[in-house]
Amino acid sequence: MTTPNIVLIDATAGREPALDQPRADRRVQGAPQRRTWTLHEAGPMSAGIWECEPGRWRIVFPAGRQEYFHVLQGRVRLHGPAGTVDIGPGQGAVIPPGFEGEFEVVEAVRKHFVFVDVNA
């Protein structure tokens, strides 16, 4: 039996990111460029590094998906039914299944992310 390798979630050198922007119908402010390096996918989980320019857009998480993220650089603000939360360098947060609100990048951000599909 082969032992799986540990995956480091820090190395983007030599890897091309997936590029996108928030959908036009969800944009609140700006049309920021987003760069995503998915560095690990296994079963219900994916993880990697995400960068984004300042902007703001509406987000709707499905009932079966959640995200943990940890901000490395920059600052984000989540606007939800219970209020606003600011997350900066060294801080992490969980966006729970079914969350609806707005994601705002206040200062260009780089973060680690982990998505888990809870119904998978």
C-alpha atoms as a PDB file:
ATOM      1  CA  MET A   1       0.000   0.000   0.000  1.00  0.00           C
ATOM      2  CA  THR A   2       1.316   3.448  -0.933  1.00  0.00           C
ATOM      3  CA  THR A   3       1.262   6.161   1.698  1.00  0.00           C
ATOM      4  CA  PRO A   4      -0.326   9.409   0.405  1.00  0.00           C
ATOM      5  CA  ASN A   5       1.923  12.466   0.214  1.00  0.00           C
ATOM      6  CA  ILE A   6       1.405  15.536   2.350  1.00  0.00           C
ATOM      7  CA  VAL A   7       0.198  18.473   0.237  1.00  0.00           C
ATOM      8  CA  LEU A   8       1.708  21.850   1.055  1.00  0.00           C
ATOM      9  CA  ILE A   9      -0.744  24.699   0.557  1.00  0.00           C
ATOM     10  CA  ASP A  10       1.823  27.405  -0.092  1.00  0.00           C
ATOM     11  CA  ALA A  11       3.532  26.754  -3.396  1.00  0.00           C
ATOM     12  CA  THR A  12       2.039  28.577  -6.374  1.00  0.00           C
ATOM     13  CA  ALA A  13       5.322  29.113  -8.245  1.00  0.00           C
ATOM     14  CA  GLY A  14       5.170  27.519 -11.671  1.00  0.00           C
ATOM     15  CA  ARG A  15       1.418  26.880 -11.426  1.00  0.00           C
ATOM     16  CA  GLU A  16      -1.125  28.816 -13.434  1.00  0.00           C
ATOM     17  CA  PRO A  17      -4.135  30.065 -11.465  1.00  0.00           C
ATOM     18  CA  ALA A  18      -7.720  29.877 -12.635  1.00  0.00           C
ATOM     19  CA  LEU A  19      -8.810  33.449 -13.415  1.00  0.00           C
ATOM     20  CA  ASP A  20     -12.330  34.772 -13.045  1.00  0.00           C
ATOM     21  CA  GLN A  21     -14.499  37.622 -11.797  1.00  0.00           C
ATOM     22  CA  PRO A  22     -17.755  37.679  -9.856  1.00  0.00           C
ATOM     23  CA  ARG A  23     -20.767  37.146 -12.077  1.00  0.00           C
ATOM     24  CA  ALA A  24     -22.092  40.447 -13.433  1.00  0.00           C
ATOM     25  CA  ASP A  25     -25.511  39.905 -11.826  1.00  0.00           C
ATOM     26  CA  ARG A  26     -23.902  39.544  -8.365  1.00  0.00           C
ATOM     27  CA  ARG A  27     -21.519  42.510  -8.488  1.00  0.00           C
ATOM     28  CA  VAL A  28     -22.163  45.278  -5.982  1.00  0.00           C
ATOM     29  CA  GLN A  29     -18.937  47.252  -6.408  1.00  0.00           C
ATOM     30  CA  GLY A  30     -16.248  46.809  -9.063  1.00  0.00           C
ATOM     31  CA  ALA A  31     -15.382  43.792 -11.182  1.00  0.00           C
ATOM     32  CA  PRO A  32     -12.351  42.406  -9.350  1.00  0.00           C
ATOM     33  CA  GLN A  33      -9.989  39.878 -10.889  1.00  0.00           C
ATOM     34  CA  ARG A  34      -9.778  36.667  -8.833  1.00  0.00           C
ATOM     35  CA  ARG A  35      -6.935  34.134  -9.007  1.00  0.00           C
ATOM     36  CA  THR A  36      -7.415  30.618  -7.623  1.00  0.00           C
ATOM     37  CA  TRP A  37      -4.839  27.889  -7.193  1.00  0.00           C
ATOM     38  CA  THR A  38      -6.624  24.664  -6.238  1.00  0.00           C
ATOM     39  CA  LEU A  39      -3.758  22.615  -4.814  1.00  0.00           C
ATOM     40  CA  HIS A  40      -5.677  19.662  -3.382  1.00  0.00           C
ATOM     41  CA  GLU A  41      -8.945  17.892  -4.182  1.00  0.00           C
ATOM     42  CA  ALA A  42     -10.055  14.695  -2.486  1.00  0.00           C
ATOM     43  CA  GLY A  43     -13.584  13.508  -1.872  1.00  0.00           C
ATOM     44  CA  PRO A  44     -15.707  16.285  -0.399  1.00  0.00           C
ATOM     45  CA  MET A  45     -12.770  18.674   0.183  1.00  0.00           C
ATOM     46  CA  SER A  46     -10.728  21.075  -1.917  1.00  0.00           C
ATOM     47  CA  ALA A  47      -8.020  23.463  -0.718  1.00  0.00           C
ATOM     48  CA  GLY A  48      -5.689  26.057  -2.124  1.00  0.00           C
ATOM     49  CA  ILE A  49      -4.790  29.724  -2.347  1.00  0.00           C
ATOM     50  CA  TRP A  50      -7.029  32.549  -3.516  1.00  0.00           C
ATOM     51  CA  GLU A  51      -6.176  36.154  -4.367  1.00  0.00           C
ATOM     52  CA  CYS A  52      -8.511  38.998  -5.259  1.00  0.00           C
ATOM     53  CA  GLU A  53      -8.506  42.713  -5.966  1.00  0.00           C
ATOM     54  CA  PRO A  54     -10.828  45.056  -4.037  1.00  0.00           C
ATOM     55  CA  GLY A  55     -14.533  44.770  -4.852  1.00  0.00           C
ATOM     56  CA  ARG A  56     -17.838  43.545  -3.457  1.00  0.00           C
ATOM     57  CA  TRP A  57     -20.364  40.944  -4.623  1.00  0.00           C
ATOM     58  CA  ARG A  58     -23.306  38.885  -3.389  1.00  0.00           C
ATOM     59  CA  ILE A  59     -22.642  35.276  -2.364  1.00  0.00           C
ATOM     60  CA  VAL A  60     -25.039  32.400  -1.824  1.00  0.00           C
ATOM     61  CA  PHE A  61     -23.632  29.182  -0.361  1.00  0.00           C
ATOM     62  CA  PRO A  62     -25.558  25.993  -1.099  1.00  0.00           C
ATOM     63  CA  ALA A  63     -26.965  24.113   1.907  1.00  0.00           C
ATOM     64  CA  GLY A  64     -24.312  21.425   1.480  1.00  0.00           C
ATOM     65  CA  ARG A  65     -21.162  23.566   1.097  1.00  0.00           C
ATOM     66  CA  GLN A  66     -19.039  25.456   3.604  1.00  0.00           C
ATOM     67  CA  GLU A  67     -15.685  27.225   3.505  1.00  0.00           C
ATOM     68  CA  TYR A  68     -12.940  27.763   6.044  1.00  0.00           C
ATOM     69  CA  PHE A  69     -10.397  30.422   5.090  1.00  0.00           C
ATOM     70  CA  HIS A  70      -7.363  32.055   6.659  1.00  0.00           C
ATOM     71  CA  VAL A  71      -6.260  35.518   5.502  1.00  0.00           C
ATOM     72  CA  LEU A  72      -2.541  35.786   4.792  1.00  0.00           C
ATOM     73  CA  GLN A  73      -2.498  39.358   3.434  1.00  0.00           C
ATOM     74  CA  GLY A  74      -5.120  42.059   2.958  1.00  0.00           C
ATOM     75  CA  ARG A  75      -8.563  42.440   4.455  1.00  0.00           C
ATOM     76  CA  VAL A  76     -12.041  41.130   3.694  1.00  0.00           C
ATOM     77  CA  ARG A  77     -15.455  41.996   5.071  1.00  0.00           C
ATOM     78  CA  LEU A  78     -18.442  39.652   5.150  1.00  0.00           C
ATOM     79  CA  HIS A  79     -21.898  41.231   5.234  1.00  0.00           C
ATOM     80  CA  GLY A  80     -24.616  38.890   6.462  1.00  0.00           C
ATOM     81  CA  PRO A  81     -27.995  38.827   8.166  1.00  0.00           C
ATOM     82  CA  ALA A  82     -26.355  39.051  11.614  1.00  0.00           C
ATOM     83  CA  GLY A  83     -24.114  42.005  10.715  1.00  0.00           C
ATOM     84  CA  THR A  84     -20.659  42.688   9.316  1.00  0.00           C
ATOM     85  CA  VAL A  85     -17.420  40.861  10.146  1.00  0.00           C
ATOM     86  CA  ASP A  86     -13.906  42.093   9.232  1.00  0.00           C
ATOM     87  CA  ILE A  87     -11.163  39.503   8.751  1.00  0.00           C
ATOM     88  CA  GLY A  88      -7.500  40.470   8.349  1.00  0.00           C
ATOM     89  CA  PRO A  89      -4.033  38.898   8.314  1.00  0.00           C
ATOM     90  CA  GLY A  90      -3.676  36.016  10.737  1.00  0.00           C
ATOM     91  CA  GLN A  91      -7.430  35.585  11.151  1.00  0.00           C
ATOM     92  CA  GLY A  92      -9.676  32.830   9.875  1.00  0.00           C
ATOM     93  CA  ALA A  93     -13.398  32.378   9.432  1.00  0.00           C
ATOM     94  CA  VAL A  94     -16.008  29.837   8.364  1.00  0.00           C
ATOM     95  CA  ILE A  95     -18.738  30.637   5.858  1.00  0.00           C
ATOM     96  CA  PRO A  96     -21.443  28.151   6.872  1.00  0.00           C
ATOM     97  CA  PRO A  97     -23.734  26.131   4.612  1.00  0.00           C
ATOM     98  CA  GLY A  98     -26.677  28.187   3.374  1.00  0.00           C
ATOM     99  CA  PHE A  99     -25.030  31.565   4.053  1.00  0.00           C
ATOM    100  CA  GLU A 100     -26.359  34.450   1.948  1.00  0.00           C
ATOM    101  CA  GLY A 101     -24.761  37.871   2.045  1.00  0.00           C
ATOM    102  CA  GLU A 102     -21.978  39.893   0.468  1.00  0.00           C
ATOM    103  CA  PHE A 103     -18.241  39.303   0.249  1.00  0.00           C
ATOM    104  CA  GLU A 104     -16.127  42.451   0.153  1.00  0.00           C
ATOM    105  CA  VAL A 105     -12.403  42.644  -0.487  1.00  0.00           C
ATOM    106  CA  VAL A 106     -11.380  45.860   1.285  1.00  0.00           C
ATOM    107  CA  GLU A 107      -7.622  45.487   0.584  1.00  0.00           C
ATOM    108  CA  ALA A 108      -6.193  43.130  -2.047  1.00  0.00           C
ATOM    109  CA  VAL A 109      -6.300  39.735  -0.343  1.00  0.00           C
ATOM    110  CA  ARG A 110      -4.397  36.446  -0.389  1.00  0.00           C
ATOM    111  CA  LYS A 111      -5.878  33.599   1.635  1.00  0.00           C
ATOM    112  CA  HIS A 112      -5.792  29.859   2.150  1.00  0.00           C
ATOM    113  CA  PHE A 113      -9.174  28.244   1.542  1.00  0.00           C
ATOM    114  CA  VAL A 114     -10.775  24.893   2.286  1.00  0.00           C
ATOM    115  CA  PHE A 115     -14.165  23.997   0.806  1.00  0.00           C
ATOM    116  CA  VAL A 116     -16.071  21.048   2.213  1.00  0.00           C
ATOM    117  CA  ASP A 117     -19.185  19.646   0.591  1.00  0.00           C
ATOM    118  CA  VAL A 118     -21.016  18.316   3.636  1.00  0.00           C
ATOM    119  CA  ASN A 119     -23.435  16.154   1.667  1.00  0.00           C
ATOM    120  CA  ALA A 120     -20.769  14.423  -0.403  1.00  0.00           C
END
